[in-house]
Amino acid sequence: MMSSASKTVHGFSCGEAVAALQPCLPFLKGNSRYLNVLCCVDIRAVSDKAATTEDRRNLCQCFKKAGTAAGVKPEKARQIPKKCLMKVPVPLDPTVDCTK
């Protein structure tokens, strides 16, 4: 899920956000049935940095581009909040409309 987008979220670049979610990739791509616990920890850390609506939109666009490029399966991405037992303010689903 690497991306070269230059937008930052409170000093956190798109590339850094995407790199932080590397533990999620096996699950998101459908290569693993199980979600790595580090994935949830990292998602919480990245989500906590997206404090404003603009931050969340920028991060959403970042994840959307990176997720599409990496082959993230939307149905797997939609399972993340439930599996991590948390509300995710920035969806990882590459099919999501980031303007909403």
PDB file of N, CA and C in Angstrom:
ATOM      1  N   MET A   1       0.820  -1.173   0.000  1.00  0.00           N
ATOM      2  CA  MET A   1       0.000   0.000   0.000  1.00  0.00           C
ATOM      3  C   MET A   1       0.868   1.241   0.000  1.00  0.00           C
ATOM      4  N   MET A   2       1.907   1.266  -0.728  1.00  0.00           N
ATOM      5  CA  MET A   2       2.787   2.421  -0.758  1.00  0.00           C
ATOM      6  C   MET A   2       2.243   3.475  -1.706  1.00  0.00           C
ATOM      7  N   SER A   3       2.472   4.728  -1.363  1.00  0.00           N
ATOM      8  CA  SER A   3       2.008   5.837  -2.173  1.00  0.00           C
ATOM      9  C   SER A   3       2.986   6.981  -2.055  1.00  0.00           C
ATOM     10  N   SER A   4       3.061   7.777  -3.089  1.00  0.00           N
ATOM     11  CA  SER A   4       3.959   8.912  -3.047  1.00  0.00           C
ATOM     12  C   SER A   4       3.218  10.224  -2.841  1.00  0.00           C
ATOM     13  N   ALA A   5       1.954  10.158  -2.452  1.00  0.00           N
ATOM     14  CA  ALA A   5       1.180  11.380  -2.242  1.00  0.00           C
ATOM     15  C   ALA A   5       1.863  12.245  -1.188  1.00  0.00           C
ATOM     16  N   SER A   6       1.804  13.556  -1.377  1.00  0.00           N
ATOM     17  CA  SER A   6       2.546  14.450  -0.506  1.00  0.00           C
ATOM     18  C   SER A   6       1.706  15.103   0.586  1.00  0.00           C
ATOM     19  N   LYS A   7       0.410  14.898   0.627  1.00  0.00           N
ATOM     20  CA  LYS A   7      -0.425  15.513   1.653  1.00  0.00           C
ATOM     21  C   LYS A   7       0.025  15.030   3.025  1.00  0.00           C
ATOM     22  N   THR A   8      -0.089  15.920   4.003  1.00  0.00           N
ATOM     23  CA  THR A   8       0.258  15.530   5.365  1.00  0.00           C
ATOM     24  C   THR A   8      -0.954  15.677   6.257  1.00  0.00           C
ATOM     25  N   VAL A   9      -0.969  14.896   7.305  1.00  0.00           N
ATOM     26  CA  VAL A   9      -2.017  14.936   8.311  1.00  0.00           C
ATOM     27  C   VAL A   9      -1.308  15.182   9.633  1.00  0.00           C
ATOM     28  N   HIS A  10      -1.401  16.411  10.139  1.00  0.00           N
ATOM     29  CA  HIS A  10      -0.705  16.791  11.373  1.00  0.00           C
ATOM     30  C   HIS A  10       0.743  16.300  11.372  1.00  0.00           C
ATOM     31  N   GLY A  11       1.457  16.576  10.286  1.00  0.00           N
ATOM     32  CA  GLY A  11       2.858  16.202  10.197  1.00  0.00           C
ATOM     33  C   GLY A  11       3.096  14.751   9.832  1.00  0.00           C
ATOM     34  N   PHE A  12       2.048  14.019   9.530  1.00  0.00           N
ATOM     35  CA  PHE A  12       2.115  12.599   9.211  1.00  0.00           C
ATOM     36  C   PHE A  12       1.830  12.467   7.726  1.00  0.00           C
ATOM     37  N   SER A  13       2.820  12.092   6.938  1.00  0.00           N
ATOM     38  CA  SER A  13       2.619  12.030   5.488  1.00  0.00           C
ATOM     39  C   SER A  13       1.812  10.805   5.087  1.00  0.00           C
ATOM     40  N   CYS A  14       1.296  10.856   3.885  1.00  0.00           N
ATOM     41  CA  CYS A  14       0.556   9.725   3.341  1.00  0.00           C
ATOM     42  C   CYS A  14       1.438   8.480   3.350  1.00  0.00           C
ATOM     43  N   GLY A  15       2.662   8.622   2.906  1.00  0.00           N
ATOM     44  CA  GLY A  15       3.584   7.488   2.871  1.00  0.00           C
ATOM     45  C   GLY A  15       3.801   6.881   4.242  1.00  0.00           C
ATOM     46  N   GLU A  16       3.911   7.737   5.266  1.00  0.00           N
ATOM     47  CA  GLU A  16       4.091   7.249   6.636  1.00  0.00           C
ATOM     48  C   GLU A  16       2.836   6.532   7.124  1.00  0.00           C
ATOM     49  N   ALA A  17       1.674   7.083   6.790  1.00  0.00           N
ATOM     50  CA  ALA A  17       0.413   6.455   7.203  1.00  0.00           C
ATOM     51  C   ALA A  17       0.263   5.081   6.559  1.00  0.00           C
ATOM     52  N   VAL A  18       0.574   5.011   5.285  1.00  0.00           N
ATOM     53  CA  VAL A  18       0.456   3.745   4.554  1.00  0.00           C
ATOM     54  C   VAL A  18       1.474   2.734   5.083  1.00  0.00           C
ATOM     55  N   ALA A  19       2.682   3.177   5.321  1.00  0.00           N
ATOM     56  CA  ALA A  19       3.718   2.277   5.845  1.00  0.00           C
ATOM     57  C   ALA A  19       3.332   1.731   7.218  1.00  0.00           C
ATOM     58  N   ALA A  20       2.681   2.550   8.034  1.00  0.00           N
ATOM     59  CA  ALA A  20       2.265   2.111   9.361  1.00  0.00           C
ATOM     60  C   ALA A  20       1.246   0.978   9.295  1.00  0.00           C
ATOM     61  N   LEU A  21       0.535   0.881   8.183  1.00  0.00           N
ATOM     62  CA  LEU A  21      -0.510  -0.135   8.061  1.00  0.00           C
ATOM     63  C   LEU A  21      -0.039  -1.415   7.366  1.00  0.00           C
ATOM     64  N   GLN A  22       1.246  -1.566   7.195  1.00  0.00           N
ATOM     65  CA  GLN A  22       1.772  -2.772   6.559  1.00  0.00           C
ATOM     66  C   GLN A  22       1.328  -4.067   7.260  1.00  0.00           C
ATOM     67  N   PRO A  23       1.205  -4.095   8.601  1.00  0.00           N
ATOM     68  CA  PRO A  23       0.728  -5.328   9.250  1.00  0.00           C
ATOM     69  C   PRO A  23      -0.682  -5.740   8.825  1.00  0.00           C
ATOM     70  N   CYS A  24      -1.429  -4.823   8.235  1.00  0.00           N
ATOM     71  CA  CYS A  24      -2.801  -5.106   7.816  1.00  0.00           C
ATOM     72  C   CYS A  24      -2.870  -5.763   6.432  1.00  0.00           C
ATOM     73  N   LEU A  25      -1.830  -5.606   5.650  1.00  0.00           N
ATOM     74  CA  LEU A  25      -1.889  -6.025   4.246  1.00  0.00           C
ATOM     75  C   LEU A  25      -2.266  -7.482   4.005  1.00  0.00           C
ATOM     76  N   PRO A  26      -1.681  -8.455   4.699  1.00  0.00           N
ATOM     77  CA  PRO A  26      -2.070  -9.843   4.410  1.00  0.00           C
ATOM     78  C   PRO A  26      -3.582 -10.064   4.543  1.00  0.00           C
ATOM     79  N   PHE A  27      -4.179  -9.474   5.561  1.00  0.00           N
ATOM     80  CA  PHE A  27      -5.627  -9.598   5.748  1.00  0.00           C
ATOM     81  C   PHE A  27      -6.380  -8.824   4.667  1.00  0.00           C
ATOM     82  N   LEU A  28      -5.988  -7.575   4.437  1.00  0.00           N
ATOM     83  CA  LEU A  28      -6.694  -6.715   3.484  1.00  0.00           C
ATOM     84  C   LEU A  28      -6.642  -7.237   2.052  1.00  0.00           C
ATOM     85  N   LYS A  29      -5.576  -7.929   1.716  1.00  0.00           N
ATOM     86  CA  LYS A  29      -5.441  -8.470   0.360  1.00  0.00           C
ATOM     87  C   LYS A  29      -6.055  -9.863   0.228  1.00  0.00           C
ATOM     88  N   GLY A  30      -6.514 -10.425   1.348  1.00  0.00           N
ATOM     89  CA  GLY A  30      -7.144 -11.738   1.320  1.00  0.00           C
ATOM     90  C   GLY A  30      -6.164 -12.886   1.427  1.00  0.00           C
ATOM     91  N   ASN A  31      -4.906 -12.598   1.759  1.00  0.00           N
ATOM     92  CA  ASN A  31      -3.900 -13.646   1.891  1.00  0.00           C
ATOM     93  C   ASN A  31      -3.925 -14.311   3.255  1.00  0.00           C
ATOM     94  N   SER A  32      -4.642 -13.725   4.202  1.00  0.00           N
ATOM     95  CA  SER A  32      -4.746 -14.274   5.546  1.00  0.00           C
ATOM     96  C   SER A  32      -6.172 -14.118   6.036  1.00  0.00           C
ATOM     97  N   ARG A  33      -6.654 -15.118   6.742  1.00  0.00           N
ATOM     98  CA  ARG A  33      -7.989 -15.032   7.330  1.00  0.00           C
ATOM     99  C   ARG A  33      -7.958 -14.263   8.641  1.00  0.00           C
ATOM    100  N   TYR A  34      -6.761 -14.105   9.188  1.00  0.00           N
ATOM    101  CA  TYR A  34      -6.609 -13.497  10.512  1.00  0.00           C
ATOM    102  C   TYR A  34      -5.982 -12.121  10.419  1.00  0.00           C
ATOM    103  N   LEU A  35      -6.442 -11.248  11.295  1.00  0.00           N
ATOM    104  CA  LEU A  35      -5.950  -9.886  11.350  1.00  0.00           C
ATOM    105  C   LEU A  35      -4.842  -9.811  12.400  1.00  0.00           C
ATOM    106  N   ASN A  36      -3.698  -9.319  12.019  1.00  0.00           N
ATOM    107  CA  ASN A  36      -2.574  -9.130  12.931  1.00  0.00           C
ATOM    108  C   ASN A  36      -2.962  -8.070  13.963  1.00  0.00           C
ATOM    109  N   VAL A  37      -2.725  -8.334  15.229  1.00  0.00           N
ATOM    110  CA  VAL A  37      -3.082  -7.390  16.288  1.00  0.00           C
ATOM    111  C   VAL A  37      -2.377  -6.049  16.093  1.00  0.00           C
ATOM    112  N   LEU A  38      -1.192  -6.053  15.522  1.00  0.00           N
ATOM    113  CA  LEU A  38      -0.483  -4.801  15.260  1.00  0.00           C
ATOM    114  C   LEU A  38      -1.248  -3.926  14.277  1.00  0.00           C
ATOM    115  N   CYS A  39      -2.023  -4.536  13.428  1.00  0.00           N
ATOM    116  CA  CYS A  39      -2.839  -3.782  12.480  1.00  0.00           C
ATOM    117  C   CYS A  39      -3.781  -2.856  13.236  1.00  0.00           C
ATOM    118  N   CYS A  40      -4.473  -3.362  14.223  1.00  0.00           N
ATOM    119  CA  CYS A  40      -5.422  -2.552  14.992  1.00  0.00           C
ATOM    120  C   CYS A  40      -4.707  -1.447  15.756  1.00  0.00           C
ATOM    121  N   VAL A  41      -3.580  -1.757  16.336  1.00  0.00           N
ATOM    122  CA  VAL A  41      -2.798  -0.751  17.062  1.00  0.00           C
ATOM    123  C   VAL A  41      -2.384   0.373  16.114  1.00  0.00           C
ATOM    124  N   ASP A  42      -1.902  -0.016  14.939  1.00  0.00           N
ATOM    125  CA  ASP A  42      -1.442   0.977  13.965  1.00  0.00           C
ATOM    126  C   ASP A  42      -2.592   1.791  13.390  1.00  0.00           C
ATOM    127  N   ILE A  43      -3.724   1.151  13.144  1.00  0.00           N
ATOM    128  CA  ILE A  43      -4.886   1.880  12.635  1.00  0.00           C
ATOM    129  C   ILE A  43      -5.334   2.923  13.656  1.00  0.00           C
ATOM    130  N   ARG A  44      -5.341   2.557  14.912  1.00  0.00           N
ATOM    131  CA  ARG A  44      -5.739   3.511  15.957  1.00  0.00           C
ATOM    132  C   ARG A  44      -4.765   4.697  15.984  1.00  0.00           C
ATOM    133  N   ALA A  45      -3.484   4.422  15.893  1.00  0.00           N
ATOM    134  CA  ALA A  45      -2.482   5.497  15.926  1.00  0.00           C
ATOM    135  C   ALA A  45      -2.636   6.435  14.738  1.00  0.00           C
ATOM    136  N   VAL A  46      -2.835   5.873  13.562  1.00  0.00           N
ATOM    137  CA  VAL A  46      -2.997   6.693  12.366  1.00  0.00           C
ATOM    138  C   VAL A  46      -4.317   7.464  12.431  1.00  0.00           C
ATOM    139  N   SER A  47      -5.379   6.815  12.836  1.00  0.00           N
ATOM    140  CA  SER A  47      -6.692   7.464  12.921  1.00  0.00           C
ATOM    141  C   SER A  47      -6.685   8.608  13.924  1.00  0.00           C
ATOM    142  N   ASP A  48      -5.965   8.441  15.020  1.00  0.00           N
ATOM    143  CA  ASP A  48      -5.904   9.482  16.040  1.00  0.00           C
ATOM    144  C   ASP A  48      -5.255  10.761  15.512  1.00  0.00           C
ATOM    145  N   LYS A  49      -4.425  10.638  14.506  1.00  0.00           N
ATOM    146  CA  LYS A  49      -3.762  11.817  13.923  1.00  0.00           C
ATOM    147  C   LYS A  49      -4.702  12.595  13.002  1.00  0.00           C
ATOM    148  N   ALA A  50      -5.760  11.970  12.563  1.00  0.00           N
ATOM    149  CA  ALA A  50      -6.718  12.618  11.650  1.00  0.00           C
ATOM    150  C   ALA A  50      -7.794  13.314  12.474  1.00  0.00           C
ATOM    151  N   ALA A  51      -7.453  14.472  13.004  1.00  0.00           N
ATOM    152  CA  ALA A  51      -8.321  15.167  13.944  1.00  0.00           C
ATOM    153  C   ALA A  51      -9.394  16.037  13.287  1.00  0.00           C
ATOM    154  N   THR A  52      -9.141  16.506  12.078  1.00  0.00           N
ATOM    155  CA  THR A  52     -10.098  17.399  11.426  1.00  0.00           C
ATOM    156  C   THR A  52     -10.724  16.720  10.209  1.00  0.00           C
ATOM    157  N   THR A  53     -11.791  17.314   9.707  1.00  0.00           N
ATOM    158  CA  THR A  53     -12.444  16.781   8.507  1.00  0.00           C
ATOM    159  C   THR A  53     -11.472  16.774   7.339  1.00  0.00           C
ATOM    160  N   GLU A  54     -10.695  17.831   7.196  1.00  0.00           N
ATOM    161  CA  GLU A  54      -9.714  17.891   6.105  1.00  0.00           C
ATOM    162  C   GLU A  54      -8.663  16.786   6.247  1.00  0.00           C
ATOM    163  N   ASP A  55      -8.192  16.563   7.466  1.00  0.00           N
ATOM    164  CA  ASP A  55      -7.229  15.486   7.714  1.00  0.00           C
ATOM    165  C   ASP A  55      -7.808  14.142   7.303  1.00  0.00           C
ATOM    166  N   ARG A  56      -9.063  13.896   7.697  1.00  0.00           N
ATOM    167  CA  ARG A  56      -9.699  12.615   7.395  1.00  0.00           C
ATOM    168  C   ARG A  56      -9.888  12.441   5.893  1.00  0.00           C
ATOM    169  N   ARG A  57     -10.257  13.505   5.193  1.00  0.00           N
ATOM    170  CA  ARG A  57     -10.409  13.413   3.733  1.00  0.00           C
ATOM    171  C   ARG A  57      -9.068  13.139   3.059  1.00  0.00           C
ATOM    172  N   ASN A  58      -8.027  13.827   3.497  1.00  0.00           N
ATOM    173  CA  ASN A  58      -6.700  13.609   2.921  1.00  0.00           C
ATOM    174  C   ASN A  58      -6.233  12.177   3.164  1.00  0.00           C
ATOM    175  N   LEU A  59      -6.431  11.692   4.378  1.00  0.00           N
ATOM    176  CA  LEU A  59      -6.024  10.333   4.708  1.00  0.00           C
ATOM    177  C   LEU A  59      -6.867   9.315   3.938  1.00  0.00           C
ATOM    178  N   CYS A  60      -8.138   9.592   3.795  1.00  0.00           N
ATOM    179  CA  CYS A  60      -9.028   8.724   3.024  1.00  0.00           C
ATOM    180  C   CYS A  60      -8.533   8.608   1.581  1.00  0.00           C
ATOM    181  N   GLN A  61      -8.224   9.758   0.961  1.00  0.00           N
ATOM    182  CA  GLN A  61      -7.718   9.744  -0.416  1.00  0.00           C
ATOM    183  C   GLN A  61      -6.405   8.961  -0.500  1.00  0.00           C
ATOM    184  N   CYS A  62      -5.564   9.147   0.477  1.00  0.00           N
ATOM    185  CA  CYS A  62      -4.296   8.429   0.537  1.00  0.00           C
ATOM    186  C   CYS A  62      -4.548   6.926   0.572  1.00  0.00           C
ATOM    187  N   PHE A  63      -5.395   6.480   1.497  1.00  0.00           N
ATOM    188  CA  PHE A  63      -5.684   5.046   1.624  1.00  0.00           C
ATOM    189  C   PHE A  63      -6.388   4.506   0.386  1.00  0.00           C
ATOM    190  N   LYS A  64      -7.237   5.315  -0.198  1.00  0.00           N
ATOM    191  CA  LYS A  64      -7.974   4.881  -1.389  1.00  0.00           C
ATOM    192  C   LYS A  64      -7.002   4.591  -2.531  1.00  0.00           C
ATOM    193  N   LYS A  65      -6.090   5.512  -2.787  1.00  0.00           N
ATOM    194  CA  LYS A  65      -5.103   5.314  -3.861  1.00  0.00           C
ATOM    195  C   LYS A  65      -4.174   4.152  -3.554  1.00  0.00           C
ATOM    196  N   ALA A  66      -3.663   4.128  -2.333  1.00  0.00           N
ATOM    197  CA  ALA A  66      -2.721   3.071  -1.955  1.00  0.00           C
ATOM    198  C   ALA A  66      -3.405   1.708  -1.923  1.00  0.00           C
ATOM    199  N   GLY A  67      -4.636   1.668  -1.418  1.00  0.00           N
ATOM    200  CA  GLY A  67      -5.369   0.408  -1.331  1.00  0.00           C
ATOM    201  C   GLY A  67      -5.694  -0.167  -2.691  1.00  0.00           C
ATOM    202  N   THR A  68      -6.069   0.692  -3.614  1.00  0.00           N
ATOM    203  CA  THR A  68      -6.355   0.250  -4.979  1.00  0.00           C
ATOM    204  C   THR A  68      -5.093  -0.316  -5.608  1.00  0.00           C
ATOM    205  N   ALA A  69      -3.985   0.394  -5.445  1.00  0.00           N
ATOM    206  CA  ALA A  69      -2.708  -0.052  -6.023  1.00  0.00           C
ATOM    207  C   ALA A  69      -2.234  -1.373  -5.413  1.00  0.00           C
ATOM    208  N   ALA A  70      -2.533  -1.573  -4.126  1.00  0.00           N
ATOM    209  CA  ALA A  70      -2.068  -2.780  -3.434  1.00  0.00           C
ATOM    210  C   ALA A  70      -3.003  -3.970  -3.592  1.00  0.00           C
ATOM    211  N   GLY A  71      -4.186  -3.741  -4.149  1.00  0.00           N
ATOM    212  CA  GLY A  71      -5.130  -4.836  -4.318  1.00  0.00           C
ATOM    213  C   GLY A  71      -5.942  -5.152  -3.077  1.00  0.00           C
ATOM    214  N   VAL A  72      -6.215  -4.126  -2.273  1.00  0.00           N
ATOM    215  CA  VAL A  72      -7.029  -4.316  -1.074  1.00  0.00           C
ATOM    216  C   VAL A  72      -8.442  -4.691  -1.484  1.00  0.00           C
ATOM    217  N   LYS A  73      -8.964  -5.724  -0.851  1.00  0.00           N
ATOM    218  CA  LYS A  73     -10.325  -6.183  -1.117  1.00  0.00           C
ATOM    219  C   LYS A  73     -11.290  -5.371  -0.246  1.00  0.00           C
ATOM    220  N   PRO A  74     -12.238  -4.667  -0.889  1.00  0.00           N
ATOM    221  CA  PRO A  74     -13.158  -3.812  -0.124  1.00  0.00           C
ATOM    222  C   PRO A  74     -13.884  -4.552   0.998  1.00  0.00           C
ATOM    223  N   GLU A  75     -14.296  -5.780   0.750  1.00  0.00           N
ATOM    224  CA  GLU A  75     -15.018  -6.526   1.790  1.00  0.00           C
ATOM    225  C   GLU A  75     -14.139  -6.783   3.003  1.00  0.00           C
ATOM    226  N   LYS A  76     -12.847  -6.953   2.804  1.00  0.00           N
ATOM    227  CA  LYS A  76     -11.917  -7.139   3.922  1.00  0.00           C
ATOM    228  C   LYS A  76     -11.729  -5.821   4.665  1.00  0.00           C
ATOM    229  N   ALA A  77     -11.603  -4.724   3.930  1.00  0.00           N
ATOM    230  CA  ALA A  77     -11.413  -3.409   4.547  1.00  0.00           C
ATOM    231  C   ALA A  77     -12.610  -3.049   5.426  1.00  0.00           C
ATOM    232  N   ARG A  78     -13.802  -3.402   4.994  1.00  0.00           N
ATOM    233  CA  ARG A  78     -15.003  -3.083   5.772  1.00  0.00           C
ATOM    234  C   ARG A  78     -15.080  -3.899   7.060  1.00  0.00           C
ATOM    235  N   GLN A  79     -14.325  -4.978   7.192  1.00  0.00           N
ATOM    236  CA  GLN A  79     -14.327  -5.804   8.397  1.00  0.00           C
ATOM    237  C   GLN A  79     -13.429  -5.249   9.504  1.00  0.00           C
ATOM    238  N   ILE A  80     -12.524  -4.354   9.130  1.00  0.00           N
ATOM    239  CA  ILE A  80     -11.526  -3.854  10.082  1.00  0.00           C
ATOM    240  C   ILE A  80     -12.144  -3.241  11.344  1.00  0.00           C
ATOM    241  N   PRO A  81     -13.109  -2.320  11.263  1.00  0.00           N
ATOM    242  CA  PRO A  81     -13.640  -1.729  12.504  1.00  0.00           C
ATOM    243  C   PRO A  81     -14.179  -2.776  13.487  1.00  0.00           C
ATOM    244  N   LYS A  82     -14.925  -3.739  12.989  1.00  0.00           N
ATOM    245  CA  LYS A  82     -15.480  -4.767  13.872  1.00  0.00           C
ATOM    246  C   LYS A  82     -14.372  -5.645  14.450  1.00  0.00           C
ATOM    247  N   LYS A  83     -13.440  -6.053  13.612  1.00  0.00           N
ATOM    248  CA  LYS A  83     -12.363  -6.918  14.083  1.00  0.00           C
ATOM    249  C   LYS A  83     -11.442  -6.203  15.073  1.00  0.00           C
ATOM    250  N   CYS A  84     -11.275  -4.900  14.911  1.00  0.00           N
ATOM    251  CA  CYS A  84     -10.428  -4.127  15.818  1.00  0.00           C
ATOM    252  C   CYS A  84     -11.211  -3.560  17.007  1.00  0.00           C
ATOM    253  N   LEU A  85     -12.522  -3.792  17.020  1.00  0.00           N
ATOM    254  CA  LEU A  85     -13.390  -3.306  18.093  1.00  0.00           C
ATOM    255  C   LEU A  85     -13.259  -1.802  18.275  1.00  0.00           C
ATOM    256  N   MET A  86     -13.326  -1.083  17.153  1.00  0.00           N
ATOM    257  CA  MET A  86     -13.204   0.364  17.225  1.00  0.00           C
ATOM    258  C   MET A  86     -13.918   1.019  16.056  1.00  0.00           C
ATOM    259  N   LYS A  87     -14.254   2.270  16.246  1.00  0.00           N
ATOM    260  CA  LYS A  87     -14.798   3.063  15.149  1.00  0.00           C
ATOM    261  C   LYS A  87     -13.602   3.648  14.412  1.00  0.00           C
ATOM    262  N   VAL A  88     -13.568   3.439  13.110  1.00  0.00           N
ATOM    263  CA  VAL A  88     -12.461   3.933  12.291  1.00  0.00           C
ATOM    264  C   VAL A  88     -12.949   5.177  11.548  1.00  0.00           C
ATOM    265  N   PRO A  89     -12.418   6.364  11.899  1.00  0.00           N
ATOM    266  CA  PRO A  89     -12.901   7.592  11.268  1.00  0.00           C
ATOM    267  C   PRO A  89     -12.470   7.744   9.811  1.00  0.00           C
ATOM    268  N   VAL A  90     -11.475   6.976   9.411  1.00  0.00           N
ATOM    269  CA  VAL A  90     -10.986   7.026   8.032  1.00  0.00           C
ATOM    270  C   VAL A  90     -11.064   5.614   7.461  1.00  0.00           C
ATOM    271  N   PRO A  91     -12.004   5.369   6.546  1.00  0.00           N
ATOM    272  CA  PRO A  91     -12.153   4.025   6.002  1.00  0.00           C
ATOM    273  C   PRO A  91     -10.942   3.596   5.160  1.00  0.00           C
ATOM    274  N   LEU A  92     -10.655   2.306   5.208  1.00  0.00           N
ATOM    275  CA  LEU A  92      -9.564   1.740   4.414  1.00  0.00           C
ATOM    276  C   LEU A  92     -10.078   1.196   3.096  1.00  0.00           C
ATOM    277  N   ASP A  93     -11.370   1.215   2.906  1.00  0.00           N
ATOM    278  CA  ASP A  93     -12.042   0.684   1.723  1.00  0.00           C
ATOM    279  C   ASP A  93     -11.677   1.506   0.479  1.00  0.00           C
ATOM    280  N   PRO A  94     -11.047   0.906  -0.514  1.00  0.00           N
ATOM    281  CA  PRO A  94     -10.657   1.663  -1.710  1.00  0.00           C
ATOM    282  C   PRO A  94     -11.830   2.087  -2.594  1.00  0.00           C
ATOM    283  N   THR A  95     -13.055   1.676  -2.261  1.00  0.00           N
ATOM    284  CA  THR A  95     -14.215   2.071  -3.051  1.00  0.00           C
ATOM    285  C   THR A  95     -15.023   3.184  -2.375  1.00  0.00           C
ATOM    286  N   VAL A  96     -14.599   3.646  -1.224  1.00  0.00           N
ATOM    287  CA  VAL A  96     -15.342   4.637  -0.451  1.00  0.00           C
ATOM    288  C   VAL A  96     -15.276   6.023  -1.129  1.00  0.00           C
ATOM    289  N   ASP A  97     -16.324   6.808  -0.910  1.00  0.00           N
ATOM    290  CA  ASP A  97     -16.359   8.185  -1.384  1.00  0.00           C
ATOM    291  C   ASP A  97     -15.774   9.072  -0.284  1.00  0.00           C
ATOM    292  N   CYS A  98     -14.599   9.582  -0.488  1.00  0.00           N
ATOM    293  CA  CYS A  98     -13.890  10.359   0.533  1.00  0.00           C
ATOM    294  C   CYS A  98     -14.450  11.758   0.754  1.00  0.00           C
ATOM    295  N   THR A  99     -15.397  12.173  -0.056  1.00  0.00           N
ATOM    296  CA  THR A  99     -15.974  13.504   0.119  1.00  0.00           C
ATOM    297  C   THR A  99     -17.077  13.515   1.159  1.00  0.00           C
ATOM    298  N   LYS A 100     -17.506  12.358   1.623  1.00  0.00           N
ATOM    299  CA  LYS A 100     -18.592  12.270   2.605  1.00  0.00           C
ATOM    300  C   LYS A 100     -18.062  12.109   3.995  1.00  0.00           C
TER     301      LYS A 100
END
